[in-house]
Protein backbone atom coordinates (compact mmCIF):
# COMPACT_ATOMS: atom_id res chain seq x y z
CA MET A 1 20.02 4.86 -12.44
CA LYS A 2 18.70 2.02 -14.55
CA SER A 3 14.92 1.48 -14.49
CA LEU A 4 13.37 -1.80 -13.40
CA ILE A 5 12.39 -4.40 -15.95
CA PRO A 6 8.61 -4.85 -16.26
CA SER A 7 8.53 -8.18 -14.43
CA HIS A 8 10.12 -6.57 -11.33
CA ARG A 9 7.80 -3.56 -11.16
CA GLU A 10 4.96 -3.43 -8.68
CA LYS A 11 1.68 -4.13 -10.43
CA LYS A 12 -1.08 -1.61 -9.74
CA ARG A 13 -4.86 -1.46 -9.88
CA TYR A 14 -6.83 1.76 -10.08
CA LEU A 15 -9.98 2.27 -8.00
CA LEU A 16 -12.68 4.78 -8.89
CA LEU A 17 -14.16 5.96 -5.60
CA SER A 18 -17.14 7.99 -4.50
CA GLY A 19 -17.84 9.59 -1.15
CA LYS A 20 -17.26 12.74 0.85
CA ASN A 21 -13.83 13.95 1.96
CA LEU A 22 -12.14 10.98 0.30
CA LYS A 23 -8.48 11.72 0.97
CA LYS A 24 -8.98 11.87 4.72
CA SER A 25 -11.57 9.13 5.12
CA VAL A 26 -9.77 6.62 2.85
CA ARG A 27 -6.49 6.95 4.73
CA PHE A 28 -8.28 6.62 8.09
CA ALA A 29 -10.34 3.60 6.98
CA MET A 30 -7.32 1.76 5.59
CA LYS A 31 -5.13 2.48 8.61
CA ASP A 32 -7.90 1.51 11.04
CA PHE A 33 -8.58 -1.83 9.32
CA LEU A 34 -5.13 -2.82 7.97
CA GLY A 35 -2.77 -1.11 10.40
CA THR A 36 0.44 0.67 9.53
CA LEU A 37 2.14 -2.34 7.96
CA GLY A 38 -0.90 -3.22 5.85
CA LEU A 39 -1.19 0.39 4.71
CA SER A 40 2.42 0.37 3.54
CA GLU A 41 1.91 -2.93 1.69
CA THR A 42 -1.03 -1.51 -0.27
CA SER A 43 1.09 1.53 -1.27
CA PRO A 44 -1.85 3.86 -2.00
CA ILE A 45 -1.17 6.76 -4.39
CA TRP A 46 -3.79 9.35 -5.35
CA ILE A 47 -3.97 9.83 -9.13
CA SER A 48 -6.78 12.39 -8.96
CA GLU A 49 -9.32 13.40 -6.33
CA ASN A 50 -11.40 10.23 -6.84
CA ILE A 51 -8.93 7.74 -8.37
CA LEU A 52 -6.68 5.71 -6.06
CA SER A 53 -3.83 3.46 -7.17
CA VAL A 54 -3.08 0.39 -4.99
CA ASN A 55 -1.02 -2.78 -5.17
CA ARG A 56 -2.71 -5.55 -7.18
CA ASN A 57 -2.43 -8.16 -4.42
CA SER A 58 -4.19 -5.98 -1.83
CA VAL A 59 -7.31 -4.82 -3.71
CA ASP A 60 -9.59 -7.13 -1.69
CA LYS A 61 -8.15 -5.87 1.61
CA VAL A 62 -8.69 -2.26 0.55
CA LYS A 63 -12.29 -2.93 -0.48
CA ALA A 64 -12.91 -4.70 2.83
CA SER A 65 -11.54 -1.73 4.77
CA PHE A 66 -14.00 0.54 2.95
CA ALA A 67 -16.90 -1.80 3.75
CA VAL A 68 -16.08 -1.84 7.48
CA SER A 69 -15.49 1.93 7.65
CA LYS A 70 -17.93 4.30 9.35
CA GLU A 71 -17.67 6.70 6.40
CA LYS A 72 -19.51 5.78 3.21
CA ILE A 73 -16.84 5.00 0.61
CA ASP A 74 -17.99 3.22 -2.54
CA VAL A 75 -15.74 1.53 -5.10
CA LEU A 76 -17.44 2.19 -8.42
CA LYS A 77 -14.93 0.41 -10.64
CA VAL A 78 -11.55 -1.37 -10.48
CA SER A 79 -9.31 -1.34 -13.52
CA GLY A 80 -5.77 -2.16 -14.60
CA THR A 81 -5.42 0.95 -16.77
CA LEU A 82 -6.42 4.56 -16.34
CA ARG A 83 -7.81 4.77 -19.86
CA SER A 84 -10.44 2.10 -19.29
CA LEU A 85 -11.28 3.55 -15.89
CA ARG A 86 -12.04 7.00 -17.26
CA ASN A 87 -14.13 5.78 -20.23
């Protein structure tokens, strides 16, 4: 199968998060605020235990869902590349 050209790929942003029990609380916060359709549009993928990859167009929605959440989830940094996020 031929790979997609760069202009057709989904553009991602990486979020460095802090909090307790992130995998469970992040999924719950996003689904509670955005709903099932909004959650699928953000297409969250865990890179490591505190780095989350989301769609570029939905970064503000994801940050808003963390602000409204009962759990304390902080976004420490947002970056376009993993290298700059880790440094």
